[in-house]
């Protein structure tokens, strides 16, 4: 079994979102890589996202490219078909190339707090 690196969060790369029963969109922060070189925006901050649901409501998440509105995700989260993050759960997921934005919705009114931190490793 291969050894993998532990999750290494990027500096100043956490997005905090208050999630309710309506769809909320946002953009991931763009941060320089440790060498100071400019990465493509989808890699800025890392190729993985640690998602932590600090509330009591299940949250459904989509990541995707942005639209012509900078903080709007091209993919809209839906309770029936998006990726669930259960109440109190923390998961690490990989970002796909082009994923600069997110969309979330709660299973109920909430609100619940969702933390998303960009980084590398799992």
Foldseek 3Di string as FASTA:
>chain_A
DDDWDDWDFFPPFKDKDFAFQDKDKFFTDAAADPVRDHDPLCQGGHFKKKKFWAWQWKKFKDFAAADPPRGGHPDETDPVDGHIAHHGHIDMDGGDPRGGMMMMHTPHGDGIMMMITGTDMD
